[in-house]
Amino acid sequence: MSLDAKIEIRQATLEDFDAILQLAQNLTTLETSYDVTVDADWIKNKFGAEYFKEKIVAKDALFLIAICKGEIVGYLAASIIPAQFYRKLSELADLEEIFIVPSYRHSGLGSNLIERCVAWCKEKQIKKLSVTVSANNLQALKFYQAKNFNTYDLILERDIL
């Protein structure tokens, strides 16, 4: 699918909550294929519902949805967070989630959402935008690198038990 189809991008509202939760469940299911420690059902518990409701209404957050033919086909969630105490920044933006329905991937929609997120950061005077990606999700890593994201931290884990 190309962006030739009429796609509206707007701030999410609580009226979009159920459809967002369904897409978020699809994202979480996808993430479990890259990281076996991800709880595929976290979206369904009380924390999951509260997390998305809070992000939709928060003043220090951006929650965009992409709509085509009356259906939500993608979303992006970002928020302003405190920077690590050792950095010269007081805060930065964290791109927490982005999901595009498979049939709309490679259409430019993800790039469009990222561009809007960057514009929001500039409007808020935020100098850095971070995103956390599973090391095994090579497609996502390639996407973010193409959008000028660079490696900052690298977290290594070791199995103990």
N, C-alpha and C. Protein backbone atom coordinates (compact mmCIF):
# COMPACT_ATOMS: atom_id res chain seq x y z
N MET A 1 0.86 -1.17 0.00
CA MET A 1 0.00 0.00 0.00
C MET A 1 0.90 1.23 0.00
N SER A 2 0.57 2.19 -0.80
CA SER A 2 1.32 3.44 -0.79
C SER A 2 0.50 4.51 -0.09
N LEU A 3 1.14 5.60 0.20
CA LEU A 3 0.43 6.69 0.86
C LEU A 3 -0.49 7.44 -0.09
N ASP A 4 -0.65 6.91 -1.30
CA ASP A 4 -1.60 7.50 -2.23
C ASP A 4 -3.02 7.39 -1.67
N ALA A 5 -3.27 6.34 -0.88
CA ALA A 5 -4.56 6.20 -0.22
C ALA A 5 -4.69 7.33 0.79
N LYS A 6 -5.89 7.83 0.98
CA LYS A 6 -6.12 8.94 1.91
C LYS A 6 -5.92 8.45 3.34
N ILE A 7 -4.85 8.94 3.97
CA ILE A 7 -4.57 8.59 5.35
C ILE A 7 -4.57 9.86 6.18
N GLU A 8 -5.38 9.84 7.22
CA GLU A 8 -5.45 10.96 8.16
C GLU A 8 -4.58 10.61 9.37
N ILE A 9 -3.75 11.53 9.79
CA ILE A 9 -2.96 11.35 11.00
C ILE A 9 -3.41 12.41 12.00
N ARG A 10 -3.77 11.95 13.19
CA ARG A 10 -4.24 12.89 14.21
C ARG A 10 -3.88 12.36 15.59
N GLN A 11 -4.02 13.25 16.57
CA GLN A 11 -3.82 12.88 17.96
C GLN A 11 -4.92 11.90 18.36
N ALA A 12 -4.55 10.85 19.07
CA ALA A 12 -5.53 9.87 19.54
C ALA A 12 -6.39 10.47 20.65
N THR A 13 -7.58 9.93 20.79
CA THR A 13 -8.47 10.28 21.89
C THR A 13 -8.90 8.98 22.57
N LEU A 14 -9.53 9.12 23.71
CA LEU A 14 -9.99 7.92 24.41
C LEU A 14 -11.02 7.13 23.61
N GLU A 15 -11.67 7.77 22.66
CA GLU A 15 -12.61 7.06 21.79
C GLU A 15 -11.89 6.04 20.91
N ASP A 16 -10.60 6.22 20.71
CA ASP A 16 -9.79 5.32 19.88
C ASP A 16 -9.19 4.17 20.69
N PHE A 17 -9.42 4.17 21.99
CA PHE A 17 -8.75 3.28 22.92
C PHE A 17 -8.83 1.80 22.53
N ASP A 18 -10.01 1.28 22.26
CA ASP A 18 -10.16 -0.15 21.96
C ASP A 18 -9.38 -0.57 20.71
N ALA A 19 -9.44 0.25 19.67
CA ALA A 19 -8.72 -0.07 18.44
C ALA A 19 -7.21 0.01 18.67
N ILE A 20 -6.77 0.98 19.47
CA ILE A 20 -5.34 1.09 19.79
C ILE A 20 -4.88 -0.14 20.55
N LEU A 21 -5.68 -0.58 21.52
CA LEU A 21 -5.31 -1.77 22.29
C LEU A 21 -5.15 -2.99 21.39
N GLN A 22 -6.00 -3.13 20.40
CA GLN A 22 -5.89 -4.27 19.48
C GLN A 22 -4.58 -4.19 18.69
N LEU A 23 -4.24 -3.01 18.19
CA LEU A 23 -2.99 -2.86 17.46
C LEU A 23 -1.79 -3.08 18.39
N ALA A 24 -1.90 -2.59 19.61
CA ALA A 24 -0.81 -2.78 20.57
C ALA A 24 -0.62 -4.26 20.88
N GLN A 25 -1.72 -5.00 20.93
CA GLN A 25 -1.61 -6.45 21.14
C GLN A 25 -0.88 -7.09 19.96
N ASN A 26 -1.17 -6.64 18.76
CA ASN A 26 -0.47 -7.15 17.58
C ASN A 26 1.03 -6.85 17.66
N LEU A 27 1.37 -5.64 18.12
CA LEU A 27 2.78 -5.28 18.27
C LEU A 27 3.45 -6.17 19.32
N THR A 28 2.79 -6.37 20.43
CA THR A 28 3.37 -7.19 21.50
C THR A 28 3.57 -8.62 21.03
N THR A 29 2.63 -9.16 20.30
CA THR A 29 2.76 -10.50 19.75
C THR A 29 3.98 -10.57 18.82
N LEU A 30 4.15 -9.55 18.00
CA LEU A 30 5.32 -9.48 17.12
C LEU A 30 6.61 -9.41 17.94
N GLU A 31 6.61 -8.60 19.00
CA GLU A 31 7.81 -8.45 19.83
C GLU A 31 8.23 -9.76 20.49
N THR A 32 7.28 -10.63 20.79
CA THR A 32 7.63 -11.90 21.42
C THR A 32 8.47 -12.78 20.49
N SER A 33 8.39 -12.53 19.20
CA SER A 33 9.22 -13.31 18.27
C SER A 33 10.68 -12.85 18.31
N TYR A 34 10.93 -11.66 18.85
CA TYR A 34 12.29 -11.14 18.99
C TYR A 34 12.83 -11.27 20.41
N ASP A 35 11.94 -11.33 21.38
CA ASP A 35 12.33 -11.34 22.78
C ASP A 35 11.38 -12.24 23.56
N VAL A 36 11.86 -13.40 23.95
CA VAL A 36 11.01 -14.37 24.64
C VAL A 36 10.62 -13.93 26.04
N THR A 37 11.26 -12.87 26.57
CA THR A 37 10.89 -12.39 27.91
C THR A 37 9.72 -11.43 27.89
N VAL A 38 9.28 -11.00 26.72
CA VAL A 38 8.13 -10.10 26.63
C VAL A 38 6.86 -10.88 26.96
N ASP A 39 6.07 -10.33 27.87
CA ASP A 39 4.79 -10.92 28.25
C ASP A 39 3.75 -10.54 27.19
N ALA A 40 3.34 -11.50 26.41
CA ALA A 40 2.40 -11.23 25.31
C ALA A 40 1.04 -10.74 25.81
N ASP A 41 0.75 -10.93 27.07
CA ASP A 41 -0.56 -10.56 27.60
C ASP A 41 -0.55 -9.29 28.45
N TRP A 42 0.56 -8.57 28.51
CA TRP A 42 0.61 -7.39 29.39
C TRP A 42 -0.41 -6.34 28.99
N ILE A 43 -0.74 -6.28 27.72
CA ILE A 43 -1.72 -5.30 27.24
C ILE A 43 -3.10 -5.56 27.86
N LYS A 44 -3.40 -6.83 28.11
CA LYS A 44 -4.73 -7.22 28.58
C LYS A 44 -4.92 -6.99 30.08
N ASN A 45 -3.82 -6.76 30.81
CA ASN A 45 -4.01 -6.58 32.25
C ASN A 45 -4.30 -5.12 32.58
N LYS A 46 -4.56 -4.85 33.85
CA LYS A 46 -4.92 -3.51 34.28
C LYS A 46 -3.83 -2.49 33.93
N PHE A 47 -2.57 -2.87 34.11
CA PHE A 47 -1.47 -1.96 33.81
C PHE A 47 -1.48 -1.56 32.33
N GLY A 48 -1.72 -2.52 31.46
CA GLY A 48 -1.72 -2.23 30.04
C GLY A 48 -2.79 -1.21 29.66
N ALA A 49 -3.98 -1.41 30.16
CA ALA A 49 -5.07 -0.47 29.88
C ALA A 49 -4.75 0.92 30.43
N GLU A 50 -4.26 0.98 31.66
CA GLU A 50 -3.92 2.27 32.27
C GLU A 50 -2.79 2.96 31.51
N TYR A 51 -1.80 2.19 31.10
CA TYR A 51 -0.67 2.74 30.36
C TYR A 51 -1.16 3.48 29.12
N PHE A 52 -1.99 2.84 28.32
CA PHE A 52 -2.45 3.47 27.08
C PHE A 52 -3.39 4.63 27.34
N LYS A 53 -4.27 4.51 28.31
CA LYS A 53 -5.16 5.64 28.62
C LYS A 53 -4.35 6.85 29.06
N GLU A 54 -3.36 6.63 29.92
CA GLU A 54 -2.53 7.74 30.38
C GLU A 54 -1.75 8.38 29.24
N LYS A 55 -1.23 7.58 28.34
CA LYS A 55 -0.45 8.12 27.22
C LYS A 55 -1.33 8.94 26.27
N ILE A 56 -2.55 8.50 26.10
CA ILE A 56 -3.46 9.21 25.19
C ILE A 56 -3.79 10.61 25.71
N VAL A 57 -3.95 10.77 27.02
CA VAL A 57 -4.38 12.05 27.57
C VAL A 57 -3.26 12.90 28.17
N ALA A 58 -2.06 12.35 28.32
CA ALA A 58 -0.97 13.06 28.98
C ALA A 58 -0.54 14.31 28.21
N LYS A 59 -0.24 15.37 28.95
CA LYS A 59 0.21 16.62 28.33
C LYS A 59 1.65 16.54 27.84
N ASP A 60 2.45 15.66 28.45
CA ASP A 60 3.85 15.53 28.05
C ASP A 60 4.06 14.33 27.13
N ALA A 61 3.00 13.95 26.42
CA ALA A 61 3.07 12.80 25.53
C ALA A 61 2.44 13.14 24.18
N LEU A 62 2.84 12.37 23.20
CA LEU A 62 2.28 12.46 21.86
C LEU A 62 1.75 11.08 21.51
N PHE A 63 0.50 11.00 21.13
CA PHE A 63 -0.07 9.71 20.72
C PHE A 63 -0.82 9.94 19.42
N LEU A 64 -0.15 9.59 18.33
CA LEU A 64 -0.72 9.78 17.00
C LEU A 64 -1.33 8.49 16.49
N ILE A 65 -2.41 8.62 15.76
CA ILE A 65 -2.98 7.47 15.06
C ILE A 65 -3.11 7.82 13.58
N ALA A 66 -2.98 6.79 12.75
CA ALA A 66 -3.15 6.93 11.31
C ALA A 66 -4.43 6.18 10.93
N ILE A 67 -5.30 6.86 10.21
CA ILE A 67 -6.61 6.30 9.86
C ILE A 67 -6.75 6.25 8.35
N CYS A 68 -7.17 5.10 7.85
CA CYS A 68 -7.46 4.95 6.43
C CYS A 68 -8.79 4.21 6.30
N LYS A 69 -9.70 4.78 5.56
CA LYS A 69 -11.03 4.18 5.33
C LYS A 69 -11.72 3.84 6.65
N GLY A 70 -11.58 4.74 7.63
CA GLY A 70 -12.27 4.58 8.90
C GLY A 70 -11.61 3.65 9.90
N GLU A 71 -10.47 3.05 9.53
CA GLU A 71 -9.78 2.13 10.44
C GLU A 71 -8.43 2.68 10.82
N ILE A 72 -8.05 2.45 12.07
CA ILE A 72 -6.72 2.83 12.52
C ILE A 72 -5.74 1.80 11.96
N VAL A 73 -4.76 2.30 11.20
CA VAL A 73 -3.80 1.41 10.54
C VAL A 73 -2.38 1.57 11.09
N GLY A 74 -2.24 2.45 12.07
CA GLY A 74 -0.94 2.63 12.70
C GLY A 74 -1.03 3.62 13.84
N TYR A 75 -0.02 3.58 14.69
CA TYR A 75 0.05 4.55 15.77
C TYR A 75 1.49 4.76 16.20
N LEU A 76 1.70 5.87 16.88
CA LEU A 76 3.00 6.20 17.46
C LEU A 76 2.73 6.82 18.83
N ALA A 77 3.48 6.36 19.83
CA ALA A 77 3.39 6.93 21.18
C ALA A 77 4.77 7.38 21.61
N ALA A 78 4.86 8.61 22.07
CA ALA A 78 6.12 9.16 22.57
C ALA A 78 5.82 10.02 23.78
N SER A 79 6.81 10.17 24.64
CA SER A 79 6.62 11.04 25.80
C SER A 79 7.94 11.69 26.17
N ILE A 80 7.82 12.76 26.93
CA ILE A 80 8.99 13.47 27.44
C ILE A 80 9.35 12.83 28.78
N ILE A 81 10.62 12.47 28.91
CA ILE A 81 11.09 11.80 30.12
C ILE A 81 12.35 12.49 30.64
N PRO A 82 12.64 12.33 31.94
CA PRO A 82 13.90 12.90 32.45
C PRO A 82 15.09 12.17 31.82
N ALA A 83 16.12 12.92 31.52
CA ALA A 83 17.36 12.32 31.01
C ALA A 83 18.11 11.68 32.18
N GLN A 84 19.01 10.76 31.86
CA GLN A 84 19.84 10.15 32.89
C GLN A 84 20.60 11.26 33.61
N PHE A 85 20.80 11.08 34.90
CA PHE A 85 21.40 12.11 35.75
C PHE A 85 22.79 12.55 35.28
N TYR A 86 23.49 11.71 34.55
CA TYR A 86 24.86 12.02 34.14
C TYR A 86 24.93 12.74 32.79
N ARG A 87 23.80 12.99 32.20
CA ARG A 87 23.81 13.67 30.90
C ARG A 87 23.61 15.17 31.06
N LYS A 88 24.02 15.92 30.07
CA LYS A 88 23.88 17.37 30.10
C LYS A 88 22.47 17.82 29.72
N LEU A 89 21.61 16.89 29.45
CA LEU A 89 20.21 17.18 29.11
C LEU A 89 19.37 17.03 30.36
N SER A 90 18.32 17.82 30.49
CA SER A 90 17.41 17.62 31.61
C SER A 90 16.29 16.64 31.22
N GLU A 91 15.95 16.62 29.95
CA GLU A 91 14.90 15.72 29.48
C GLU A 91 15.12 15.38 28.02
N LEU A 92 14.45 14.33 27.60
CA LEU A 92 14.47 13.91 26.20
C LEU A 92 13.14 13.26 25.89
N ALA A 93 12.91 12.99 24.64
CA ALA A 93 11.68 12.32 24.23
C ALA A 93 11.98 10.84 24.01
N ASP A 94 11.06 10.03 24.42
CA ASP A 94 11.19 8.58 24.25
C ASP A 94 10.09 8.11 23.31
N LEU A 95 10.50 7.58 22.17
CA LEU A 95 9.55 7.00 21.23
C LEU A 95 9.24 5.61 21.78
N GLU A 96 8.13 5.49 22.45
CA GLU A 96 7.82 4.28 23.19
C GLU A 96 7.27 3.16 22.31
N GLU A 97 6.44 3.52 21.37
CA GLU A 97 5.82 2.51 20.53
C GLU A 97 5.51 3.09 19.16
N ILE A 98 5.67 2.26 18.16
CA ILE A 98 5.18 2.58 16.83
C ILE A 98 4.75 1.25 16.21
N PHE A 99 3.59 1.25 15.60
CA PHE A 99 3.10 0.04 14.94
C PHE A 99 2.34 0.44 13.70
N ILE A 100 2.63 -0.25 12.62
CA ILE A 100 1.93 -0.06 11.35
C ILE A 100 1.36 -1.42 10.94
N VAL A 101 0.09 -1.44 10.59
CA VAL A 101 -0.54 -2.66 10.09
C VAL A 101 0.30 -3.18 8.92
N PRO A 102 0.57 -4.48 8.86
CA PRO A 102 1.48 -5.01 7.83
C PRO A 102 1.19 -4.55 6.40
N SER A 103 -0.07 -4.46 6.01
CA SER A 103 -0.37 -4.07 4.63
C SER A 103 -0.05 -2.59 4.35
N TYR A 104 0.25 -1.80 5.38
CA TYR A 104 0.60 -0.39 5.20
C TYR A 104 2.09 -0.12 5.42
N ARG A 105 2.85 -1.16 5.73
CA ARG A 105 4.29 -1.01 5.91
C ARG A 105 4.95 -0.75 4.55
N HIS A 106 6.07 -0.11 4.58
CA HIS A 106 6.84 0.24 3.37
C HIS A 106 6.08 1.21 2.48
N SER A 107 5.15 1.96 3.09
CA SER A 107 4.36 2.94 2.35
C SER A 107 4.80 4.37 2.64
N GLY A 108 5.68 4.53 3.62
CA GLY A 108 6.07 5.87 4.06
C GLY A 108 5.31 6.31 5.29
N LEU A 109 4.34 5.53 5.74
CA LEU A 109 3.54 5.91 6.89
C LEU A 109 4.39 5.98 8.17
N GLY A 110 5.24 5.00 8.38
CA GLY A 110 6.12 5.01 9.55
C GLY A 110 7.02 6.23 9.54
N SER A 111 7.58 6.53 8.38
CA SER A 111 8.43 7.72 8.24
C SER A 111 7.65 8.99 8.54
N ASN A 112 6.42 9.05 8.06
CA ASN A 112 5.57 10.21 8.31
C ASN A 112 5.31 10.37 9.80
N LEU A 113 5.01 9.29 10.50
CA LEU A 113 4.78 9.36 11.94
C LEU A 113 6.04 9.83 12.67
N ILE A 114 7.20 9.31 12.27
CA ILE A 114 8.46 9.72 12.89
C ILE A 114 8.70 11.22 12.65
N GLU A 115 8.46 11.68 11.43
CA GLU A 115 8.65 13.10 11.11
C GLU A 115 7.75 13.97 11.98
N ARG A 116 6.53 13.54 12.19
CA ARG A 116 5.62 14.31 13.04
C ARG A 116 6.08 14.30 14.49
N CYS A 117 6.64 13.20 14.91
CA CYS A 117 7.18 13.10 16.26
C CYS A 117 8.38 14.05 16.42
N VAL A 118 9.25 14.08 15.44
CA VAL A 118 10.39 14.99 15.46
C VAL A 118 9.91 16.44 15.51
N ALA A 119 8.89 16.78 14.74
CA ALA A 119 8.34 18.14 14.75
C ALA A 119 7.79 18.48 16.14
N TRP A 120 7.12 17.52 16.77
CA TRP A 120 6.60 17.71 18.13
C TRP A 120 7.75 17.96 19.10
N CYS A 121 8.83 17.20 18.96
CA CYS A 121 10.01 17.40 19.82
C CYS A 121 10.56 18.81 19.66
N LYS A 122 10.67 19.27 18.42
CA LYS A 122 11.17 20.62 18.17
C LYS A 122 10.26 21.67 18.80
N GLU A 123 8.97 21.46 18.65
CA GLU A 123 7.99 22.38 19.23
C GLU A 123 8.14 22.44 20.76
N LYS A 124 8.47 21.32 21.37
CA LYS A 124 8.63 21.23 22.82
C LYS A 124 10.05 21.56 23.27
N GLN A 125 10.92 21.93 22.32
CA GLN A 125 12.32 22.26 22.61
C GLN A 125 13.09 21.07 23.18
N ILE A 126 12.75 19.87 22.72
CA ILE A 126 13.43 18.65 23.14
C ILE A 126 14.54 18.36 22.14
N LYS A 127 15.75 18.15 22.63
CA LYS A 127 16.91 18.03 21.76
C LYS A 127 17.21 16.60 21.31
N LYS A 128 16.72 15.61 22.04
CA LYS A 128 17.02 14.21 21.72
C LYS A 128 15.74 13.39 21.72
N LEU A 129 15.69 12.45 20.78
CA LEU A 129 14.60 11.48 20.69
C LEU A 129 15.24 10.10 20.74
N SER A 130 14.82 9.28 21.70
CA SER A 130 15.38 7.94 21.82
C SER A 130 14.31 6.89 21.53
N VAL A 131 14.79 5.71 21.19
CA VAL A 131 13.90 4.57 20.97
C VAL A 131 14.66 3.33 21.40
N THR A 132 13.95 2.40 22.02
CA THR A 132 14.54 1.13 22.43
C THR A 132 14.04 0.05 21.48
N VAL A 133 14.97 -0.73 20.96
CA VAL A 133 14.64 -1.76 19.98
C VAL A 133 15.31 -3.07 20.40
N SER A 134 14.60 -4.17 20.25
CA SER A 134 15.21 -5.47 20.50
C SER A 134 16.37 -5.65 19.52
N ALA A 135 17.50 -6.13 20.04
CA ALA A 135 18.68 -6.35 19.19
C ALA A 135 18.39 -7.35 18.08
N ASN A 136 17.40 -8.21 18.27
CA ASN A 136 17.07 -9.22 17.26
C ASN A 136 16.12 -8.70 16.18
N ASN A 137 15.57 -7.51 16.39
CA ASN A 137 14.62 -6.96 15.43
C ASN A 137 15.39 -6.13 14.39
N LEU A 138 16.02 -6.84 13.48
CA LEU A 138 16.89 -6.20 12.50
C LEU A 138 16.13 -5.25 11.57
N GLN A 139 14.89 -5.59 11.25
CA GLN A 139 14.10 -4.72 10.38
C GLN A 139 13.84 -3.37 11.05
N ALA A 140 13.51 -3.39 12.34
CA ALA A 140 13.28 -2.14 13.06
C ALA A 140 14.57 -1.35 13.21
N LEU A 141 15.67 -2.04 13.52
CA LEU A 141 16.96 -1.36 13.63
C LEU A 141 17.31 -0.63 12.34
N LYS A 142 17.13 -1.31 11.23
CA LYS A 142 17.42 -0.71 9.93
C LYS A 142 16.51 0.50 9.68
N PHE A 143 15.24 0.38 10.03
CA PHE A 143 14.30 1.48 9.86
C PHE A 143 14.74 2.71 10.65
N TYR A 144 15.04 2.51 11.94
CA TYR A 144 15.42 3.65 12.78
C TYR A 144 16.75 4.25 12.35
N GLN A 145 17.69 3.42 11.97
CA GLN A 145 18.97 3.95 11.50
C GLN A 145 18.77 4.80 10.24
N ALA A 146 17.85 4.39 9.38
CA ALA A 146 17.55 5.17 8.18
C ALA A 146 16.88 6.51 8.53
N LYS A 147 16.33 6.60 9.74
CA LYS A 147 15.68 7.83 10.21
C LYS A 147 16.62 8.64 11.10
N ASN A 148 17.92 8.37 10.99
CA ASN A 148 18.97 9.11 11.69
C ASN A 148 19.06 8.84 13.19
N PHE A 149 18.57 7.70 13.64
CA PHE A 149 18.79 7.28 15.02
C PHE A 149 20.15 6.59 15.06
N ASN A 150 20.93 6.89 16.08
CA ASN A 150 22.25 6.30 16.25
C ASN A 150 22.32 5.55 17.58
N THR A 151 23.18 4.56 17.65
CA THR A 151 23.35 3.81 18.88
C THR A 151 23.91 4.74 19.95
N TYR A 152 23.26 4.76 21.12
CA TYR A 152 23.74 5.54 22.25
C TYR A 152 24.16 4.60 23.38
N ASP A 153 23.25 3.82 23.87
CA ASP A 153 23.54 2.82 24.90
C ASP A 153 23.40 1.44 24.27
N LEU A 154 24.10 0.51 24.82
CA LEU A 154 23.95 -0.89 24.42
C LEU A 154 23.82 -1.69 25.70
N ILE A 155 22.69 -2.33 25.88
CA ILE A 155 22.42 -3.08 27.09
C ILE A 155 22.64 -4.55 26.81
N LEU A 156 23.49 -5.17 27.59
CA LEU A 156 23.75 -6.60 27.48
C LEU A 156 23.12 -7.30 28.68
N GLU A 157 22.58 -8.48 28.45
CA GLU A 157 22.01 -9.27 29.52
C GLU A 157 22.65 -10.63 29.54
N ARG A 158 22.69 -11.21 30.72
CA ARG A 158 23.24 -12.57 30.90
C ARG A 158 22.22 -13.39 31.65
N ASP A 159 21.93 -14.58 31.15
CA ASP A 159 21.04 -15.49 31.87
C ASP A 159 21.76 -16.01 33.10
N ILE A 160 21.06 -16.02 34.22
CA ILE A 160 21.62 -16.52 35.46
C ILE A 160 20.98 -17.85 35.85
N LEU A 161 19.68 -17.90 35.78
CA LEU A 161 18.96 -19.14 36.12
C LEU A 161 18.23 -19.68 34.90
